[in-house]
N, C-alpha and C. Protein backbone atom coordinates (compact mmCIF):
# COMPACT_ATOMS: atom_id res chain seq x y z
N UNK A 1 90.94 119.01 57.44
CA UNK A 1 91.17 117.84 58.24
C UNK A 1 89.96 116.92 58.12
N UNK A 2 90.24 115.66 58.09
CA UNK A 2 89.17 114.69 57.93
C UNK A 2 88.44 114.48 59.25
N UNK A 3 87.13 114.26 59.20
CA UNK A 3 86.31 114.13 60.41
C UNK A 3 86.69 112.92 61.26
N UNK A 4 87.12 111.83 60.66
CA UNK A 4 87.45 110.63 61.43
C UNK A 4 88.76 110.81 62.21
N UNK A 5 89.58 111.79 61.83
CA UNK A 5 90.86 112.01 62.48
C UNK A 5 90.69 112.69 63.85
N UNK A 6 89.67 113.56 63.97
CA UNK A 6 89.45 114.29 65.22
C UNK A 6 89.17 113.35 66.41
N UNK A 7 88.27 112.36 66.30
CA UNK A 7 88.05 111.44 67.43
C UNK A 7 89.31 110.66 67.79
N UNK A 8 90.10 110.29 66.79
CA UNK A 8 91.34 109.55 67.06
C UNK A 8 92.31 110.42 67.84
N UNK A 9 92.42 111.69 67.44
CA UNK A 9 93.32 112.61 68.16
C UNK A 9 92.84 112.84 69.60
N UNK A 10 91.53 112.97 69.79
CA UNK A 10 90.98 113.17 71.15
C UNK A 10 91.25 111.94 72.02
N UNK A 11 90.98 110.77 71.46
CA UNK A 11 91.21 109.52 72.20
C UNK A 11 92.70 109.37 72.50
N UNK A 12 93.55 109.66 71.53
CA UNK A 12 95.00 109.58 71.73
C UNK A 12 95.47 110.55 72.81
N UNK A 13 94.92 111.78 72.78
CA UNK A 13 95.28 112.78 73.80
C UNK A 13 94.87 112.34 75.19
N UNK A 14 93.63 111.80 75.29
CA UNK A 14 93.16 111.32 76.59
C UNK A 14 94.01 110.14 77.08
N UNK A 15 94.38 109.25 76.18
CA UNK A 15 95.22 108.10 76.55
C UNK A 15 96.58 108.59 77.03
N UNK A 16 97.12 109.60 76.35
CA UNK A 16 98.40 110.17 76.75
C UNK A 16 98.31 110.81 78.13
N UNK A 17 97.23 111.57 78.38
CA UNK A 17 97.03 112.18 79.70
C UNK A 17 96.88 111.12 80.79
N UNK A 18 96.10 110.07 80.51
CA UNK A 18 95.93 108.99 81.47
C UNK A 18 97.26 108.30 81.74
N UNK A 19 98.02 108.05 80.69
CA UNK A 19 99.32 107.40 80.83
C UNK A 19 100.28 108.23 81.69
N UNK A 20 100.30 109.54 81.44
CA UNK A 20 101.16 110.42 82.22
C UNK A 20 100.73 110.44 83.69
N UNK A 21 99.41 110.51 83.92
CA UNK A 21 98.89 110.49 85.28
C UNK A 21 99.25 109.17 85.97
N UNK A 22 99.09 108.06 85.26
CA UNK A 22 99.41 106.74 85.82
C UNK A 22 100.88 106.66 86.23
N UNK A 23 101.77 107.07 85.33
CA UNK A 23 103.20 107.02 85.61
C UNK A 23 103.55 107.91 86.79
N UNK A 24 103.01 109.12 86.81
CA UNK A 24 103.30 110.06 87.90
C UNK A 24 102.81 109.52 89.24
N UNK A 25 101.59 109.01 89.28
CA UNK A 25 101.03 108.48 90.52
C UNK A 25 101.79 107.24 90.98
N UNK A 26 102.10 106.35 90.05
CA UNK A 26 102.85 105.14 90.38
C UNK A 26 104.22 105.51 90.97
N UNK A 27 104.91 106.45 90.32
CA UNK A 27 106.22 106.87 90.82
C UNK A 27 106.12 107.50 92.20
N UNK A 28 105.06 108.25 92.44
CA UNK A 28 104.84 108.86 93.75
C UNK A 28 104.65 107.78 94.82
N UNK A 29 103.87 106.75 94.51
CA UNK A 29 103.64 105.66 95.46
C UNK A 29 104.92 104.86 95.70
N UNK A 30 105.69 104.63 94.65
CA UNK A 30 106.96 103.92 94.79
C UNK A 30 107.89 104.69 95.73
N UNK A 31 107.93 106.00 95.57
CA UNK A 31 108.80 106.83 96.42
C UNK A 31 108.32 106.81 97.87
N UNK A 32 107.02 106.93 98.07
CA UNK A 32 106.49 106.93 99.44
C UNK A 32 106.74 105.60 100.13
N UNK A 33 106.52 104.50 99.41
CA UNK A 33 106.76 103.19 100.00
C UNK A 33 108.25 102.99 100.25
N UNK A 34 109.08 103.49 99.34
CA UNK A 34 110.53 103.39 99.51
C UNK A 34 111.00 104.15 100.74
N UNK A 35 110.44 105.33 100.99
CA UNK A 35 110.80 106.11 102.17
C UNK A 35 110.39 105.37 103.45
N UNK A 36 109.21 104.78 103.44
CA UNK A 36 108.75 104.02 104.61
C UNK A 36 109.63 102.79 104.82
N UNK A 37 110.00 102.12 103.73
CA UNK A 37 110.88 100.95 103.81
C UNK A 37 112.25 101.33 104.36
N UNK A 38 112.77 102.45 103.89
CA UNK A 38 114.06 102.94 104.39
C UNK A 38 113.96 103.25 105.89
N UNK A 39 112.85 103.83 106.30
CA UNK A 39 112.68 104.15 107.71
C UNK A 39 112.58 102.88 108.55
N UNK A 40 111.98 101.83 107.97
CA UNK A 40 111.93 100.55 108.69
C UNK A 40 113.35 100.06 108.95
N UNK A 41 114.26 100.24 108.00
CA UNK A 41 115.65 99.85 108.20
C UNK A 41 116.25 100.62 109.38
N UNK A 42 115.87 101.89 109.55
CA UNK A 42 116.34 102.67 110.70
C UNK A 42 115.79 102.10 112.00
N UNK A 43 114.55 101.64 111.98
CA UNK A 43 113.95 101.02 113.16
C UNK A 43 114.76 99.76 113.53
N UNK A 44 115.01 98.92 112.53
CA UNK A 44 115.76 97.69 112.79
C UNK A 44 117.18 98.00 113.24
N UNK A 45 117.78 99.05 112.70
CA UNK A 45 119.12 99.44 113.10
C UNK A 45 119.15 99.83 114.57
N UNK A 46 118.14 100.53 115.03
CA UNK A 46 118.06 100.92 116.44
C UNK A 46 117.88 99.70 117.34
N UNK A 47 117.04 98.76 116.90
CA UNK A 47 116.88 97.53 117.68
C UNK A 47 118.19 96.72 117.70
N UNK A 48 118.92 96.73 116.57
CA UNK A 48 120.19 96.01 116.53
C UNK A 48 121.19 96.65 117.48
N UNK A 49 121.20 97.98 117.54
CA UNK A 49 122.09 98.67 118.48
C UNK A 49 121.77 98.25 119.91
N UNK A 50 120.48 98.17 120.22
CA UNK A 50 120.08 97.74 121.57
C UNK A 50 120.57 96.32 121.83
N UNK A 51 120.40 95.44 120.85
CA UNK A 51 120.83 94.06 121.01
C UNK A 51 122.34 93.98 121.26
N UNK A 52 123.10 94.77 120.52
CA UNK A 52 124.55 94.78 120.70
C UNK A 52 124.92 95.29 122.09
N UNK A 53 124.26 96.34 122.54
CA UNK A 53 124.54 96.88 123.87
C UNK A 53 124.16 95.88 124.96
N UNK A 54 123.07 95.15 124.77
CA UNK A 54 122.66 94.17 125.76
C UNK A 54 123.71 93.07 125.90
N UNK A 55 124.29 92.66 124.78
CA UNK A 55 125.37 91.66 124.83
C UNK A 55 126.52 92.12 125.70
N UNK A 56 126.92 93.38 125.54
CA UNK A 56 128.00 93.93 126.36
C UNK A 56 127.57 94.07 127.82
N UNK A 57 126.32 94.45 128.04
CA UNK A 57 125.81 94.59 129.39
C UNK A 57 125.81 93.24 130.12
N UNK A 58 125.38 92.20 129.42
CA UNK A 58 125.35 90.86 130.01
C UNK A 58 126.77 90.43 130.39
N UNK A 59 127.74 90.68 129.52
CA UNK A 59 129.13 90.31 129.82
C UNK A 59 129.63 91.05 131.06
N UNK A 60 129.26 92.31 131.19
CA UNK A 60 129.67 93.08 132.36
C UNK A 60 129.03 92.52 133.63
N UNK A 61 127.74 92.20 133.55
CA UNK A 61 127.03 91.67 134.71
C UNK A 61 127.54 90.28 135.08
N UNK A 62 127.93 89.49 134.10
CA UNK A 62 128.44 88.15 134.38
C UNK A 62 129.68 88.18 135.26
N UNK A 63 130.36 89.33 135.26
CA UNK A 63 131.54 89.47 136.12
C UNK A 63 131.21 89.44 137.59
N UNK A 64 129.98 89.73 137.94
CA UNK A 64 129.55 89.64 139.34
C UNK A 64 129.21 88.18 139.60
N UNK A 65 130.12 87.48 140.26
CA UNK A 65 130.04 86.02 140.40
C UNK A 65 128.74 85.54 141.03
N UNK A 66 128.18 86.32 141.95
CA UNK A 66 126.99 85.84 142.65
C UNK A 66 125.69 86.38 142.05
N UNK A 67 125.77 86.98 140.87
CA UNK A 67 124.56 87.52 140.25
C UNK A 67 123.64 86.38 139.81
N UNK A 68 122.33 86.61 139.89
CA UNK A 68 121.36 85.56 139.55
C UNK A 68 121.53 85.09 138.10
N UNK A 69 121.86 83.84 137.96
CA UNK A 69 122.08 83.27 136.62
C UNK A 69 120.78 83.18 135.83
N UNK A 70 119.67 82.93 136.52
CA UNK A 70 118.39 82.82 135.82
C UNK A 70 118.00 84.11 135.13
N UNK A 71 118.29 85.23 135.77
CA UNK A 71 117.99 86.54 135.19
C UNK A 71 118.81 86.75 133.92
N UNK A 72 120.09 86.41 134.00
CA UNK A 72 120.96 86.55 132.82
C UNK A 72 120.50 85.63 131.69
N UNK A 73 120.12 84.40 132.05
CA UNK A 73 119.66 83.44 131.04
C UNK A 73 118.41 83.97 130.34
N UNK A 74 117.49 84.57 131.11
CA UNK A 74 116.27 85.13 130.52
C UNK A 74 116.61 86.22 129.50
N UNK A 75 117.56 87.08 129.84
CA UNK A 75 117.95 88.17 128.93
C UNK A 75 118.59 87.59 127.68
N UNK A 76 119.48 86.63 127.85
CA UNK A 76 120.18 86.03 126.70
C UNK A 76 119.18 85.35 125.76
N UNK A 77 118.23 84.60 126.33
CA UNK A 77 117.23 83.91 125.51
C UNK A 77 116.30 84.89 124.81
N UNK A 78 115.87 85.93 125.53
CA UNK A 78 114.98 86.93 124.92
C UNK A 78 115.70 87.68 123.80
N UNK A 79 116.97 87.96 123.99
CA UNK A 79 117.76 88.63 122.95
C UNK A 79 117.86 87.75 121.70
N UNK A 80 118.09 86.45 121.90
CA UNK A 80 118.18 85.52 120.77
C UNK A 80 116.86 85.46 120.00
N UNK A 81 115.73 85.43 120.72
CA UNK A 81 114.42 85.41 120.05
C UNK A 81 114.17 86.70 119.27
N UNK A 82 114.53 87.82 119.89
CA UNK A 82 114.27 89.12 119.25
C UNK A 82 115.09 89.30 117.99
N UNK A 83 116.32 88.81 117.98
CA UNK A 83 117.16 88.99 116.80
C UNK A 83 116.88 87.95 115.72
N UNK A 84 116.14 86.89 116.06
CA UNK A 84 115.84 85.84 115.08
C UNK A 84 114.69 86.23 114.15
N UNK A 85 113.88 87.20 114.53
CA UNK A 85 112.71 87.58 113.73
C UNK A 85 113.10 88.66 112.73
N UNK A 86 112.85 88.39 111.46
CA UNK A 86 113.10 89.38 110.41
C UNK A 86 111.81 89.65 109.66
N UNK A 87 111.72 90.86 109.14
CA UNK A 87 110.52 91.29 108.42
C UNK A 87 110.95 91.86 107.07
N UNK A 88 110.20 91.52 106.02
CA UNK A 88 110.43 92.11 104.71
C UNK A 88 109.87 93.53 104.76
N UNK A 89 110.75 94.56 104.75
CA UNK A 89 110.27 95.93 104.93
C UNK A 89 109.36 96.43 103.82
N UNK A 90 109.38 95.79 102.66
CA UNK A 90 108.51 96.25 101.58
C UNK A 90 107.12 95.64 101.67
N UNK A 91 106.94 94.71 102.62
CA UNK A 91 105.64 94.04 102.74
C UNK A 91 105.36 93.73 104.21
N UNK A 92 105.27 94.76 105.03
CA UNK A 92 105.06 94.58 106.46
C UNK A 92 103.57 94.34 106.72
N UNK A 93 103.28 93.16 107.25
CA UNK A 93 101.89 92.81 107.56
C UNK A 93 101.65 92.99 109.06
N UNK A 94 100.40 93.16 109.45
CA UNK A 94 100.10 93.28 110.89
C UNK A 94 100.57 92.06 111.68
N UNK A 95 100.43 90.85 111.11
CA UNK A 95 100.86 89.64 111.81
C UNK A 95 102.37 89.64 112.04
N UNK A 96 103.13 90.03 111.01
CA UNK A 96 104.59 90.09 111.16
C UNK A 96 104.97 91.13 112.21
N UNK A 97 104.34 92.27 112.16
CA UNK A 97 104.66 93.34 113.10
C UNK A 97 104.31 92.92 114.53
N UNK A 98 103.21 92.20 114.70
CA UNK A 98 102.82 91.72 116.03
C UNK A 98 103.86 90.73 116.56
N UNK A 99 104.31 89.82 115.71
CA UNK A 99 105.33 88.84 116.12
C UNK A 99 106.62 89.57 116.50
N UNK A 100 107.01 90.55 115.70
CA UNK A 100 108.22 91.34 115.95
C UNK A 100 108.08 92.08 117.29
N UNK A 101 106.92 92.72 117.50
CA UNK A 101 106.67 93.46 118.74
C UNK A 101 106.70 92.56 119.97
N UNK A 102 106.14 91.35 119.86
CA UNK A 102 106.13 90.42 120.98
C UNK A 102 107.56 90.03 121.37
N UNK A 103 108.38 89.76 120.37
CA UNK A 103 109.77 89.39 120.66
C UNK A 103 110.52 90.55 121.30
N UNK A 104 110.31 91.76 120.78
CA UNK A 104 110.99 92.93 121.35
C UNK A 104 110.46 93.24 122.75
N UNK A 105 109.17 93.03 122.98
CA UNK A 105 108.60 93.25 124.32
C UNK A 105 109.17 92.25 125.31
N UNK A 106 109.36 91.00 124.87
CA UNK A 106 109.97 89.99 125.74
C UNK A 106 111.38 90.39 126.14
N UNK A 107 112.11 90.94 125.19
CA UNK A 107 113.46 91.40 125.48
C UNK A 107 113.43 92.60 126.42
N UNK A 108 112.52 93.52 126.20
CA UNK A 108 112.40 94.69 127.09
C UNK A 108 112.07 94.26 128.51
N UNK A 109 111.16 93.29 128.65
CA UNK A 109 110.80 92.79 129.97
C UNK A 109 111.97 92.12 130.69
N UNK A 110 112.70 91.28 129.95
CA UNK A 110 113.86 90.60 130.55
C UNK A 110 114.92 91.62 130.94
N UNK A 111 115.12 92.62 130.10
CA UNK A 111 116.11 93.66 130.39
C UNK A 111 115.70 94.48 131.62
N UNK A 112 114.42 94.80 131.73
CA UNK A 112 113.93 95.54 132.90
C UNK A 112 114.17 94.74 134.18
N UNK A 113 113.91 93.45 134.11
CA UNK A 113 114.12 92.57 135.27
C UNK A 113 115.60 92.56 135.64
N UNK A 114 116.46 92.53 134.64
CA UNK A 114 117.91 92.56 134.90
C UNK A 114 118.31 93.86 135.58
N UNK A 115 117.83 94.98 135.07
CA UNK A 115 118.21 96.27 135.63
C UNK A 115 117.67 96.45 137.05
N UNK A 116 116.49 95.93 137.34
CA UNK A 116 115.96 95.99 138.70
C UNK A 116 116.80 95.11 139.63
N UNK A 117 117.20 93.94 139.14
CA UNK A 117 118.02 93.03 139.95
C UNK A 117 119.36 93.63 140.31
N UNK A 118 119.90 94.46 139.43
CA UNK A 118 121.19 95.09 139.65
C UNK A 118 121.19 95.95 140.91
N UNK A 119 120.02 96.46 141.28
CA UNK A 119 119.92 97.33 142.46
C UNK A 119 120.48 96.65 143.71
N UNK A 120 120.47 95.32 143.75
CA UNK A 120 120.95 94.58 144.91
C UNK A 120 122.46 94.35 144.90
N UNK A 121 123.13 94.85 143.87
CA UNK A 121 124.57 94.58 143.72
C UNK A 121 125.33 95.90 143.64
N UNK A 122 125.76 96.41 144.81
CA UNK A 122 126.43 97.73 144.84
C UNK A 122 127.68 97.78 143.97
N UNK A 123 128.41 96.67 143.88
CA UNK A 123 129.63 96.69 143.06
C UNK A 123 129.30 96.87 141.58
N UNK A 124 128.15 96.36 141.16
CA UNK A 124 127.72 96.55 139.77
C UNK A 124 127.24 97.98 139.54
N UNK A 125 126.50 98.49 140.52
CA UNK A 125 125.99 99.85 140.39
C UNK A 125 127.12 100.87 140.32
N UNK A 126 128.27 100.53 140.89
CA UNK A 126 129.42 101.44 140.89
C UNK A 126 130.35 101.18 139.70
N UNK A 127 130.11 100.09 138.95
CA UNK A 127 130.99 99.73 137.82
C UNK A 127 130.78 100.74 136.68
N UNK A 128 131.87 101.42 136.30
CA UNK A 128 131.77 102.47 135.29
C UNK A 128 131.28 101.93 133.94
N UNK A 129 131.76 100.74 133.55
CA UNK A 129 131.31 100.13 132.29
C UNK A 129 129.81 99.88 132.31
N UNK A 130 129.33 99.36 133.43
CA UNK A 130 127.90 99.08 133.55
C UNK A 130 127.09 100.37 133.46
N UNK A 131 127.53 101.40 134.18
CA UNK A 131 126.80 102.67 134.17
C UNK A 131 126.75 103.27 132.77
N UNK A 132 127.88 103.17 132.05
CA UNK A 132 127.92 103.71 130.68
C UNK A 132 126.99 102.93 129.75
N UNK A 133 127.03 101.59 129.87
CA UNK A 133 126.15 100.76 129.04
C UNK A 133 124.68 101.02 129.37
N UNK A 134 124.37 101.19 130.65
CA UNK A 134 122.99 101.47 131.05
C UNK A 134 122.53 102.80 130.46
N UNK A 135 123.41 103.80 130.48
CA UNK A 135 123.08 105.10 129.91
C UNK A 135 122.86 105.00 128.40
N UNK A 136 123.72 104.23 127.72
CA UNK A 136 123.57 104.06 126.27
C UNK A 136 122.28 103.32 125.94
N UNK A 137 121.90 102.35 126.77
CA UNK A 137 120.65 101.63 126.55
C UNK A 137 119.45 102.55 126.68
N UNK A 138 119.48 103.43 127.67
CA UNK A 138 118.38 104.39 127.84
C UNK A 138 118.26 105.29 126.61
N UNK A 139 119.41 105.77 126.11
CA UNK A 139 119.41 106.59 124.90
C UNK A 139 118.90 105.81 123.69
N UNK A 140 119.27 104.54 123.62
CA UNK A 140 118.84 103.70 122.50
C UNK A 140 117.35 103.45 122.54
N UNK A 141 116.79 103.26 123.73
CA UNK A 141 115.34 103.08 123.86
C UNK A 141 114.61 104.32 123.34
N UNK A 142 115.14 105.50 123.65
CA UNK A 142 114.55 106.74 123.12
C UNK A 142 114.67 106.79 121.60
N UNK A 143 115.82 106.37 121.08
CA UNK A 143 116.04 106.37 119.63
C UNK A 143 115.07 105.40 118.94
N UNK A 144 114.85 104.24 119.56
CA UNK A 144 113.91 103.27 118.99
C UNK A 144 112.53 103.89 118.88
N UNK A 145 112.10 104.58 119.93
CA UNK A 145 110.78 105.21 119.91
C UNK A 145 110.69 106.27 118.81
N UNK A 146 111.73 107.08 118.65
CA UNK A 146 111.74 108.11 117.61
C UNK A 146 111.66 107.46 116.23
N UNK A 147 112.46 106.43 116.00
CA UNK A 147 112.47 105.77 114.68
C UNK A 147 111.13 105.10 114.38
N UNK A 148 110.52 104.49 115.40
CA UNK A 148 109.20 103.87 115.18
C UNK A 148 108.17 104.93 114.83
N UNK A 149 108.21 106.07 115.52
CA UNK A 149 107.26 107.15 115.22
C UNK A 149 107.46 107.68 113.81
N UNK A 150 108.70 107.83 113.39
CA UNK A 150 108.98 108.28 112.02
C UNK A 150 108.46 107.27 111.00
N UNK A 151 108.66 105.98 111.30
CA UNK A 151 108.13 104.95 110.40
C UNK A 151 106.62 105.05 110.31
N UNK A 152 105.95 105.20 111.47
CA UNK A 152 104.49 105.32 111.47
C UNK A 152 104.03 106.53 110.65
N UNK A 153 104.77 107.64 110.75
CA UNK A 153 104.42 108.84 109.97
C UNK A 153 104.49 108.55 108.48
N UNK A 154 105.61 107.98 108.03
CA UNK A 154 105.79 107.72 106.59
C UNK A 154 104.83 106.64 106.10
N UNK A 155 104.71 105.55 106.85
CA UNK A 155 103.81 104.47 106.43
C UNK A 155 102.36 104.95 106.47
N UNK A 156 102.03 105.79 107.44
CA UNK A 156 100.67 106.32 107.52
C UNK A 156 100.33 107.20 106.34
N UNK A 157 101.26 108.07 105.94
CA UNK A 157 101.04 108.92 104.75
C UNK A 157 100.86 108.06 103.51
N UNK A 158 101.69 107.03 103.38
CA UNK A 158 101.59 106.11 102.23
C UNK A 158 100.23 105.40 102.25
N UNK A 159 99.81 104.89 103.41
CA UNK A 159 98.53 104.19 103.51
C UNK A 159 97.35 105.10 103.14
N UNK A 160 97.42 106.35 103.57
CA UNK A 160 96.36 107.32 103.22
C UNK A 160 96.34 107.55 101.72
N UNK A 161 97.52 107.74 101.14
CA UNK A 161 97.62 108.03 99.70
C UNK A 161 97.03 106.89 98.87
N UNK A 162 97.35 105.63 99.23
CA UNK A 162 96.84 104.51 98.41
C UNK A 162 95.36 104.26 98.60
N UNK A 163 94.77 104.86 99.64
CA UNK A 163 93.33 104.69 99.88
C UNK A 163 92.50 105.77 99.22
N UNK A 164 93.12 106.88 98.83
CA UNK A 164 92.37 108.00 98.26
C UNK A 164 92.00 107.74 96.80
N UNK A 165 90.85 108.25 96.41
CA UNK A 165 90.39 108.19 95.02
C UNK A 165 91.05 109.34 94.28
N UNK A 166 91.55 109.19 93.11
CA UNK A 166 91.58 108.02 92.24
C UNK A 166 92.87 107.20 92.37
N UNK A 167 93.77 107.59 93.32
CA UNK A 167 95.03 106.87 93.47
C UNK A 167 94.81 105.41 93.82
N UNK A 168 93.72 105.12 94.51
CA UNK A 168 93.46 103.73 94.89
C UNK A 168 93.31 102.81 93.68
N UNK A 169 92.92 103.37 92.54
CA UNK A 169 92.82 102.56 91.31
C UNK A 169 94.19 102.06 90.91
N UNK A 170 95.15 102.97 90.86
CA UNK A 170 96.52 102.59 90.49
C UNK A 170 97.11 101.69 91.56
N UNK A 171 96.85 101.99 92.83
CA UNK A 171 97.38 101.17 93.92
C UNK A 171 96.90 99.73 93.81
N UNK A 172 95.64 99.55 93.43
CA UNK A 172 95.12 98.18 93.31
C UNK A 172 95.66 97.50 92.04
N UNK A 173 95.81 98.25 90.97
CA UNK A 173 96.35 97.67 89.73
C UNK A 173 97.81 97.27 89.91
N UNK A 174 98.59 98.12 90.57
CA UNK A 174 100.03 97.89 90.72
C UNK A 174 100.39 97.16 92.02
N UNK A 175 99.39 96.67 92.75
CA UNK A 175 99.61 95.90 93.98
C UNK A 175 100.38 96.66 95.06
N UNK A 176 99.97 97.87 95.34
CA UNK A 176 100.52 98.63 96.46
C UNK A 176 99.64 98.33 97.68
N UNK A 177 100.13 97.49 98.56
CA UNK A 177 99.38 97.11 99.75
C UNK A 177 99.71 98.04 100.91
N UNK A 178 98.77 98.22 101.85
CA UNK A 178 99.06 99.06 103.01
C UNK A 178 100.14 98.44 103.89
N UNK A 179 100.89 99.29 104.59
CA UNK A 179 101.90 98.83 105.52
C UNK A 179 101.32 98.84 106.93
N UNK A 180 101.70 97.84 107.73
CA UNK A 180 101.26 97.80 109.12
C UNK A 180 101.99 98.88 109.91
N UNK A 181 101.33 99.39 110.93
CA UNK A 181 101.90 100.43 111.77
C UNK A 181 102.19 99.87 113.17
N UNK A 182 103.15 100.48 113.85
CA UNK A 182 103.40 100.13 115.24
C UNK A 182 102.23 100.63 116.08
N UNK A 183 101.84 99.84 117.06
CA UNK A 183 100.85 100.30 118.02
C UNK A 183 101.27 99.78 119.39
N UNK A 184 100.71 100.36 120.42
CA UNK A 184 101.09 99.93 121.76
C UNK A 184 100.55 98.54 122.03
N UNK A 185 101.27 97.83 122.89
CA UNK A 185 100.79 96.49 123.25
C UNK A 185 99.61 96.63 124.21
N UNK A 186 98.82 95.60 124.30
CA UNK A 186 97.64 95.62 125.15
C UNK A 186 98.04 95.91 126.59
N UNK A 187 97.32 96.83 127.22
CA UNK A 187 97.58 97.18 128.60
C UNK A 187 98.55 98.33 128.77
N UNK A 188 99.15 98.81 127.68
CA UNK A 188 100.13 99.90 127.77
C UNK A 188 99.49 101.20 128.24
N UNK A 189 98.18 101.30 128.09
CA UNK A 189 97.50 102.52 128.52
C UNK A 189 97.37 102.60 130.04
N UNK A 190 97.58 101.46 130.74
CA UNK A 190 97.49 101.43 132.20
C UNK A 190 98.84 101.82 132.81
N UNK A 191 98.79 102.53 133.92
CA UNK A 191 100.03 102.90 134.62
C UNK A 191 100.70 101.63 135.13
N UNK A 192 102.04 101.53 135.00
CA UNK A 192 102.74 100.33 135.45
C UNK A 192 102.71 100.21 136.97
N UNK A 193 102.70 98.98 137.44
CA UNK A 193 102.75 98.70 138.88
C UNK A 193 104.21 98.56 139.26
N UNK A 194 104.74 99.54 139.98
CA UNK A 194 106.14 99.53 140.36
C UNK A 194 106.27 98.86 141.71
N UNK A 195 107.11 97.82 141.77
CA UNK A 195 107.29 97.06 143.00
C UNK A 195 108.77 96.97 143.31
N UNK A 196 109.18 97.51 144.45
CA UNK A 196 110.58 97.47 144.84
C UNK A 196 110.84 96.37 145.87
N UNK A 197 109.97 95.42 145.98
CA UNK A 197 110.14 94.31 146.89
C UNK A 197 111.09 93.30 146.25
N UNK A 198 112.26 93.09 146.85
CA UNK A 198 113.27 92.22 146.24
C UNK A 198 113.31 90.83 146.85
N UNK A 199 112.57 90.60 147.93
CA UNK A 199 112.62 89.27 148.54
C UNK A 199 111.85 88.28 147.68
N UNK A 200 112.27 87.01 147.74
CA UNK A 200 111.64 85.98 146.90
C UNK A 200 110.36 85.52 147.54
């Protein structure tokens, strides 16, 4: 064998090994990001279910002729804001996630106010449709929390993977950016102030 052939074979072998490593790592990152993106769709699906249930809940409450219209208007407007915000699941930024969280928090607040107001309306509290919708909403809130936690798990694993050496080299070459994670809103660590005073 000629001496000049050996360095070419070594360089070729190393290039082949690097190429195989690059393809394998890239495919792994694509799969991890895809799983996180799919989980984001589950998060949005849970929020959509809540939005649909709120629409039915509002219609049921509207049947109570003397129910506070301002409370219903707040819920309807908050629901419209929450459903108007969309996020590209393959490129979730902290700013987008914050905007999404603010809209969803506004809806949660308006819904809480509605449910507290219902306490003053015995005919609503006894309405079977209302009770069923309220129960489904509670279950949906739990589902939303589970889906968000699953998203955080998958996105967190992906973020760790793209930050590790030597994977971070491929992540930077192939533009794999970190995904934003859900976090609690400011003040969530404080116990809520529960007030059952219904007078204006």
